C-alpha cells in the first residue's frame, strides 16, 4: 500500500519521539489495524536506531528536578476561571408606525403576525455573515501540515547528522563504532622482491691429455657443479677415416666407459659425466683412442690409448666463510 508524505512523516516522528500524546495514540491505533504501516514504523526505528547508540547518557543537574517539582506544584493550584468581556447588545430602532394600504391601519384591532411584517419589499435583508469558526478547520489543517514538514525536516537533519558522525568515526575512530557498522580492517599485501644471490664459483678441474712424447694433445676441463666437460684439441693430428674417442677408466668400474667421440672442431662439449659420482670423476684416468669413423662399434676400446691424463683442481670451490 502506498502511503502519502504525511503518513511517512508521521511514522518517522513516532520513531524519533517528537509527537504529542494524541498523535502517538493515533499512530499506535493505525499500527494496530494496519500491519504495513506498523512495518513502516519499524523500518524508521531501524534507520534511526544508531542515533541512540552514539549518544551517551547525561545526568540532568539537580536544579532541573527542582524546577520540574515547582512547575508541578504550580500547575496543581486551582486557577481562576477565565472571564470574557461582555459584548453590548445592538440597539434596534423600530420603524415609525404608519398606515399602510396593504396591511391597514396601525390601530386595527388585530395586529399583523410577525411573519407578515417581513413581507414588504422596502425592508432590506441584512447580509448573511458566515458563522465564526467556519474557517478554523483550514487553519488547523495548515498548521498540521506545517508541523509535518517541520518533523520531516527534523528527521532529515537527524539522519544527515548521524551519517556525518558515522563517516567521521569510520575515518578517525573506527573502534568507537558498534560491531555491526564498524568497517573491516584493510589488509594490504606488499610483495618485496629481493635480488637473487650471486652464484658462487664452483670448483674447476683440468686434465692434460698427452702422449709418450710429452706434448699435450687435448685439454679437458670439467665444471665441478654441473659435471659438464669440454675437450679442446691442441696438438693431436687428425687421421683420415678415423675418429678420436674419449674414455673414462676407473678401478671402481668393471670396464672403461665411453664419453663420446671428439669432434673435428677445436672444442667438444659433453654432459655425460652427470651420472657419475664425484669420487669416480676425480680419481679416474681419461684416455683417448683412435677408432673407426663414428667411434667404437661395440662400446669398448679397439686400440690402446695414445693420450692419457688425470684431473687437477685449478679453481677451488667457494667458501661461505669470509676471508680474513
Protein backbone atom coordinates (compact mmCIF):
# COMPACT_ATOMS: atom_id res chain seq x y z
CA UNK A 1 0.00 0.00 0.00
CA UNK A 2 1.33 3.43 -0.96
CA UNK A 3 1.34 6.00 1.84
CA UNK A 4 1.34 9.75 1.50
CA UNK A 5 4.11 12.02 2.71
CA UNK A 6 2.07 12.86 5.81
CA UNK A 7 1.86 9.19 6.79
CA UNK A 8 5.60 8.68 6.19
CA UNK A 9 6.44 11.79 8.23
CA UNK A 10 4.08 10.65 10.99
CA UNK A 11 5.85 7.27 11.17
CA UNK A 12 9.26 8.94 11.24
CA UNK A 13 8.26 11.37 14.00
CA UNK A 14 6.83 8.48 16.03
CA UNK A 15 10.15 6.62 15.73
CA UNK A 16 12.01 9.83 16.59
CA UNK A 17 9.75 10.54 19.59
CA UNK A 18 8.63 14.06 18.67
CA UNK A 19 4.85 13.51 18.66
CA UNK A 20 2.49 14.59 21.42
CA UNK A 21 0.25 12.21 23.33
CA UNK A 22 -2.76 12.45 20.96
CA UNK A 23 -0.69 11.90 17.85
CA UNK A 24 1.14 8.94 19.40
CA UNK A 25 -2.22 7.41 20.28
CA UNK A 26 -3.31 7.89 16.67
CA UNK A 27 -0.16 6.22 15.33
CA UNK A 28 -0.49 3.29 17.72
CA UNK A 29 -4.10 2.80 16.63
CA UNK A 30 -3.05 2.80 12.98
CA UNK A 31 -0.28 0.29 13.75
CA UNK A 32 -2.79 -2.00 15.46
CA UNK A 33 -5.13 -2.13 12.45
CA UNK A 34 -2.60 -1.79 9.60
CA UNK A 35 0.34 -4.20 9.53
CA UNK A 36 2.00 -2.42 6.59
CA UNK A 37 2.00 0.87 8.48
CA UNK A 38 3.45 -0.93 11.52
CA UNK A 39 6.24 -2.28 9.26
CA UNK A 40 6.87 1.27 8.03
CA UNK A 41 7.26 2.49 11.63
CA UNK A 42 9.64 -0.40 12.40
CA UNK A 43 11.72 0.50 9.33
CA UNK A 44 12.11 4.08 10.60
CA UNK A 45 13.03 2.77 14.06
CA UNK A 46 15.72 0.59 12.47
CA UNK A 47 17.11 3.54 10.50
CA UNK A 48 17.18 5.90 13.46
CA UNK A 49 18.33 3.25 15.95
CA UNK A 50 22.08 4.01 15.61
CA UNK A 51 21.40 7.51 16.93
CA UNK A 52 20.65 6.05 20.37
CA UNK A 53 23.89 4.04 20.30
CA UNK A 54 26.04 7.06 19.56
CA UNK A 55 24.50 9.33 22.22
CA UNK A 56 25.62 8.69 25.78
CA UNK A 57 23.62 9.10 28.94
CA UNK A 58 23.65 12.58 30.53
CA UNK A 59 22.60 13.04 34.12
CA UNK A 60 20.48 16.23 34.49
CA UNK A 61 21.51 18.83 37.02
CA UNK A 62 19.67 18.91 40.39
CA UNK A 63 18.18 22.30 39.58
CA UNK A 64 16.25 20.73 36.69
CA UNK A 65 14.32 18.44 39.04
CA UNK A 66 13.65 21.33 41.41
CA UNK A 67 12.18 23.37 38.55
CA UNK A 68 10.00 20.44 37.49
CA UNK A 69 8.68 19.97 41.02
CA UNK A 70 7.95 23.69 41.29
CA UNK A 71 6.14 23.64 37.95
CA UNK A 72 4.06 20.62 39.00
CA UNK A 73 3.11 22.31 42.28
CA UNK A 74 2.15 25.48 40.48
CA UNK A 75 0.05 23.55 37.99
CA UNK A 76 -1.81 21.75 40.79
CA UNK A 77 -3.08 25.01 42.32
CA UNK A 78 -6.66 25.97 41.37
CA UNK A 79 -6.88 28.60 38.67
CA UNK A 80 -9.42 31.36 38.46
CA UNK A 81 -11.98 30.94 35.67
CA UNK A 82 -11.39 32.94 32.55
CA UNK A 83 -13.83 35.86 32.31
CA UNK A 84 -14.58 37.26 28.89
CA UNK A 85 -15.73 40.91 28.47
CA UNK A 86 -19.42 41.33 27.81
CA UNK A 87 -20.48 42.44 24.34
CA UNK A 88 -23.03 45.32 24.40
CA UNK A 89 -26.33 44.44 22.77
CA UNK A 90 -27.10 46.12 19.48
CA UNK A 91 -29.72 48.90 19.69
CA UNK A 92 -32.53 48.44 17.16
CA UNK A 93 -34.67 51.46 16.35
CA UNK A 94 -38.18 50.41 15.40
CA UNK A 95 -39.58 51.93 12.21
CA UNK A 96 -42.27 54.59 12.55
CA UNK A 97 -45.83 53.34 12.71
CA UNK A 98 -47.78 54.47 9.62
CA UNK A 99 -50.89 53.43 7.85
CA UNK A 100 -50.29 51.06 5.02
CA UNK A 101 -52.91 50.38 2.38
CA UNK A 102 -51.84 46.75 2.12
CA UNK A 103 -51.87 45.96 5.85
CA UNK A 104 -54.43 48.50 7.02
CA UNK A 105 -54.26 50.95 9.77
CA UNK A 106 -51.80 50.66 12.54
CA UNK A 107 -54.66 50.92 15.00
CA UNK A 108 -56.56 47.86 13.68
CA UNK A 109 -57.84 45.61 16.43
CA UNK A 110 -55.88 42.59 15.01
CA UNK A 111 -52.15 43.32 14.80
CA UNK A 112 -50.33 41.74 11.89
CA UNK A 113 -48.41 38.50 12.50
CA UNK A 114 -44.64 38.67 12.75
CA UNK A 115 -44.32 36.58 9.62
CA UNK A 116 -46.25 39.13 7.66
CA UNK A 117 -44.16 42.08 8.84
CA UNK A 118 -41.06 40.96 6.82
CA UNK A 119 -43.01 40.77 3.54
CA UNK A 120 -42.72 44.41 2.36
CA UNK A 121 -40.17 44.88 -0.38
CA UNK A 122 -38.91 48.08 1.18
CA UNK A 123 -37.38 46.13 4.08
CA UNK A 124 -33.83 45.18 3.02
CA UNK A 125 -32.34 41.93 4.15
CA UNK A 126 -29.16 42.21 6.09
CA UNK A 127 -26.11 40.38 4.56
CA UNK A 128 -25.60 36.95 5.99
CA UNK A 129 -22.17 36.59 7.52
CA UNK A 130 -20.53 33.21 7.86
CA UNK A 131 -20.52 31.87 11.37
CA UNK A 132 -17.45 32.49 13.39
CA UNK A 133 -15.15 29.45 13.31
CA UNK A 134 -16.15 28.21 9.81
CA UNK A 135 -12.52 28.53 8.55
CA UNK A 136 -10.95 27.09 11.67
CA UNK A 137 -10.66 23.65 10.03
CA UNK A 138 -8.49 25.09 7.25
CA UNK A 139 -6.27 26.80 9.78
CA UNK A 140 -5.90 23.56 11.78
CA UNK A 141 -5.14 21.59 8.62
CA UNK A 142 -2.50 24.12 7.56
CA UNK A 143 -0.92 24.11 11.00
CA UNK A 144 -0.85 20.29 10.98
CA UNK A 145 0.80 20.26 7.55
CA UNK A 146 3.40 22.77 8.70
CA UNK A 147 4.10 20.61 11.71
CA UNK A 148 4.51 17.56 9.46
CA UNK A 149 7.02 19.36 7.27
CA UNK A 150 8.91 20.52 10.32
CA UNK A 151 9.01 16.93 11.51
CA UNK A 152 10.30 15.78 8.12
CA UNK A 153 12.98 18.47 8.21
CA UNK A 154 13.95 17.41 11.74
CA UNK A 155 14.21 13.76 10.71
CA UNK A 156 16.27 14.60 7.64
CA UNK A 157 18.59 16.76 9.72
CA UNK A 158 18.99 13.97 12.28
CA UNK A 159 19.79 11.42 9.56
CA UNK A 160 22.32 13.76 7.95
CA UNK A 161 23.99 14.40 11.31
CA UNK A 162 24.09 10.66 12.04
CA UNK A 163 25.68 9.93 8.68
CA UNK A 164 28.23 12.69 9.17
CA UNK A 165 29.17 11.42 12.62
CA UNK A 166 29.35 7.82 11.34
CA UNK A 167 31.62 8.75 8.46
CA UNK A 168 33.87 10.76 10.77
CA UNK A 169 34.16 7.87 13.20
CA UNK A 170 34.87 5.41 10.38
CA UNK A 171 37.78 7.55 9.23
CA UNK A 172 39.30 8.71 12.54
CA UNK A 173 37.99 6.39 15.31
CA UNK A 174 36.58 3.15 13.86
CA UNK A 175 36.94 1.38 17.22
CA UNK A 176 34.21 3.62 18.71
CA UNK A 177 31.55 2.29 16.30
CA UNK A 178 29.38 -0.78 17.05
CA UNK A 179 30.48 -4.05 15.51
CA UNK A 180 27.56 -4.03 13.04
CA UNK A 181 28.71 -0.85 11.27
CA UNK A 182 32.42 -0.98 12.04
CA UNK A 183 34.48 -1.07 8.81
CA UNK A 184 36.57 -4.15 8.18
CA UNK A 185 40.32 -3.67 8.54
CA UNK A 186 42.13 -3.25 5.28
CA UNK A 187 44.81 -5.82 4.56
CA UNK A 188 47.42 -4.75 2.06
CA UNK A 189 49.84 -7.30 0.73
CA UNK A 190 53.21 -5.93 -0.24
CA UNK A 191 55.46 -8.08 -2.36
CA UNK A 192 59.13 -7.46 -1.70
CA UNK A 193 61.48 -8.85 -4.28
CA UNK A 194 64.99 -9.50 -3.10
CA UNK A 195 67.73 -9.87 -5.64
CA UNK A 196 68.91 -13.41 -6.19
CA UNK A 197 72.22 -14.19 -4.53
CA UNK A 198 75.17 -14.22 -6.79
CA UNK A 199 76.24 -17.66 -7.92
CA UNK A 200 79.28 -18.83 -6.11
CA UNK A 201 82.00 -20.06 -8.45
CA UNK A 202 82.26 -23.84 -8.42
CA UNK A 203 85.42 -25.91 -8.50
CA UNK A 204 87.11 -26.29 -11.87
CA UNK A 205 89.20 -29.31 -12.93
CA UNK A 206 91.61 -29.64 -15.86
CA UNK A 207 93.28 -32.70 -17.38
CA UNK A 208 96.14 -32.51 -19.89
CA UNK A 209 95.81 -35.47 -22.24
CA UNK A 210 99.24 -36.11 -23.68
CA UNK A 211 101.18 -38.94 -25.31
CA UNK A 212 104.54 -40.55 -24.68
CA UNK A 213 106.35 -37.65 -26.32
CA UNK A 214 105.10 -35.37 -23.54
CA UNK A 215 103.37 -32.80 -25.72
CA UNK A 216 99.72 -32.04 -24.87
CA UNK A 217 97.23 -33.23 -27.47
CA UNK A 218 93.95 -32.33 -25.73
CA UNK A 219 92.95 -30.16 -22.75
CA UNK A 220 89.92 -31.43 -20.86
CA UNK A 221 88.01 -29.05 -18.49
CA UNK A 222 85.29 -30.20 -16.06
CA UNK A 223 82.86 -27.97 -14.09
CA UNK A 224 82.53 -29.39 -10.59
CA UNK A 225 78.92 -28.11 -10.14
CA UNK A 226 77.34 -29.22 -13.43
CA UNK A 227 79.78 -32.06 -14.27
CA UNK A 228 79.88 -30.84 -17.85
CA UNK A 229 83.22 -31.20 -19.62
CA UNK A 230 84.83 -29.55 -22.59
CA UNK A 231 87.66 -31.01 -24.67
CA UNK A 232 89.89 -28.68 -26.64
CA UNK A 233 92.10 -30.02 -29.43
CA UNK A 234 95.64 -28.72 -29.06
CA UNK A 235 98.21 -30.80 -30.92
CA UNK A 236 96.63 -34.08 -31.99
CA UNK A 237 96.84 -34.61 -35.78
CA UNK A 238 93.67 -35.93 -37.45
CA UNK A 239 93.79 -39.18 -39.45
CA UNK A 240 91.52 -39.65 -42.48
CA UNK A 241 88.72 -42.20 -41.88
CA UNK A 242 89.42 -42.30 -38.16
CA UNK A 243 87.91 -40.67 -35.03
CA UNK A 244 89.27 -39.84 -31.63
CA UNK A 245 87.13 -41.30 -28.80
CA UNK A 246 87.36 -40.29 -25.10
CA UNK A 247 87.23 -42.93 -22.36
CA UNK A 248 86.87 -42.91 -18.55
CA UNK A 249 88.96 -45.58 -16.82
CA UNK A 250 88.49 -46.21 -13.08
CA UNK A 251 89.24 -49.05 -10.73
CA UNK A 252 85.70 -48.58 -9.35
CA UNK A 253 84.21 -49.55 -12.69
CA UNK A 254 84.46 -53.02 -14.22
CA UNK A 255 85.45 -51.70 -17.67
CA UNK A 256 86.19 -48.41 -19.43
CA UNK A 257 83.24 -46.16 -20.19
CA UNK A 258 82.96 -44.20 -23.39
CA UNK A 259 82.47 -40.45 -23.10
CA UNK A 260 81.81 -39.97 -26.79
CA UNK A 261 83.66 -39.15 -29.98
CA UNK A 262 85.74 -35.98 -30.03
CA UNK A 263 84.54 -33.79 -32.87
CA UNK A 264 86.59 -32.36 -35.66
CA UNK A 265 86.16 -28.81 -34.28
CA UNK A 266 88.53 -27.25 -31.79
CA UNK A 267 86.05 -27.58 -28.89
CA UNK A 268 83.79 -30.51 -27.97
CA UNK A 269 81.34 -30.24 -25.04
CA UNK A 270 79.51 -33.15 -23.43
CA UNK A 271 77.21 -33.51 -20.32
CA UNK A 272 77.65 -37.28 -19.95
CA UNK A 273 79.53 -37.09 -16.63
CA UNK A 274 76.36 -36.14 -14.67
CA UNK A 275 75.63 -39.82 -13.99
CA UNK A 276 78.93 -40.50 -12.22
CA UNK A 277 79.91 -39.95 -8.59
CA UNK A 278 82.42 -37.19 -7.79
CA UNK A 279 84.91 -39.74 -6.43
CA UNK A 280 84.87 -41.64 -9.70
CA UNK A 281 85.26 -38.44 -11.74
CA UNK A 282 88.10 -37.03 -9.64
CA UNK A 283 90.14 -40.28 -9.40
CA UNK A 284 89.62 -41.62 -12.92
CA UNK A 285 92.08 -41.65 -15.80
CA UNK A 286 90.92 -40.11 -19.05
CA UNK A 287 92.21 -41.67 -22.26
CA UNK A 288 91.85 -41.10 -25.99
CA UNK A 289 91.94 -43.92 -28.55
CA UNK A 290 91.83 -43.95 -32.33
CA UNK A 291 88.70 -45.68 -33.56
CA UNK A 292 86.97 -46.10 -36.85
CA UNK A 293 84.90 -43.21 -38.13
CA UNK A 294 81.97 -42.64 -35.74
CA UNK A 295 83.52 -44.43 -32.77
CA UNK A 296 83.87 -47.95 -31.38
CA UNK A 297 81.29 -50.36 -32.78
CA UNK A 298 80.95 -52.41 -29.57
CA UNK A 299 81.31 -49.74 -26.84
CA UNK A 300 84.84 -50.92 -25.87
CA UNK A 301 88.21 -49.59 -26.95
CA UNK A 302 89.56 -51.41 -30.05
CA UNK A 303 93.09 -50.00 -29.67
CA UNK A 304 95.46 -48.94 -26.94
CA UNK A 305 95.16 -45.36 -25.60
CA UNK A 306 97.54 -42.91 -27.24
CA UNK A 307 96.76 -39.90 -24.99
CA UNK A 308 96.04 -40.05 -21.22
CA UNK A 309 95.77 -37.71 -18.28
CA UNK A 310 94.29 -37.14 -14.83
CA UNK A 311 92.31 -34.22 -13.37
CA UNK A 312 93.87 -31.46 -11.31
CA UNK A 313 91.93 -28.79 -9.45
CA UNK A 314 92.56 -25.31 -10.84
CA UNK A 315 89.79 -23.25 -9.10
CA UNK A 316 88.77 -24.28 -5.54
CA UNK A 317 85.08 -24.25 -4.58
CA UNK A 318 83.73 -21.05 -2.98
CA UNK A 319 83.69 -21.00 0.82
CA UNK A 320 80.85 -19.48 2.89
CA UNK A 321 83.30 -18.09 5.48
CA UNK A 322 84.51 -14.54 4.74
CA UNK A 323 88.22 -14.13 4.07
CA UNK A 324 90.36 -12.94 6.94
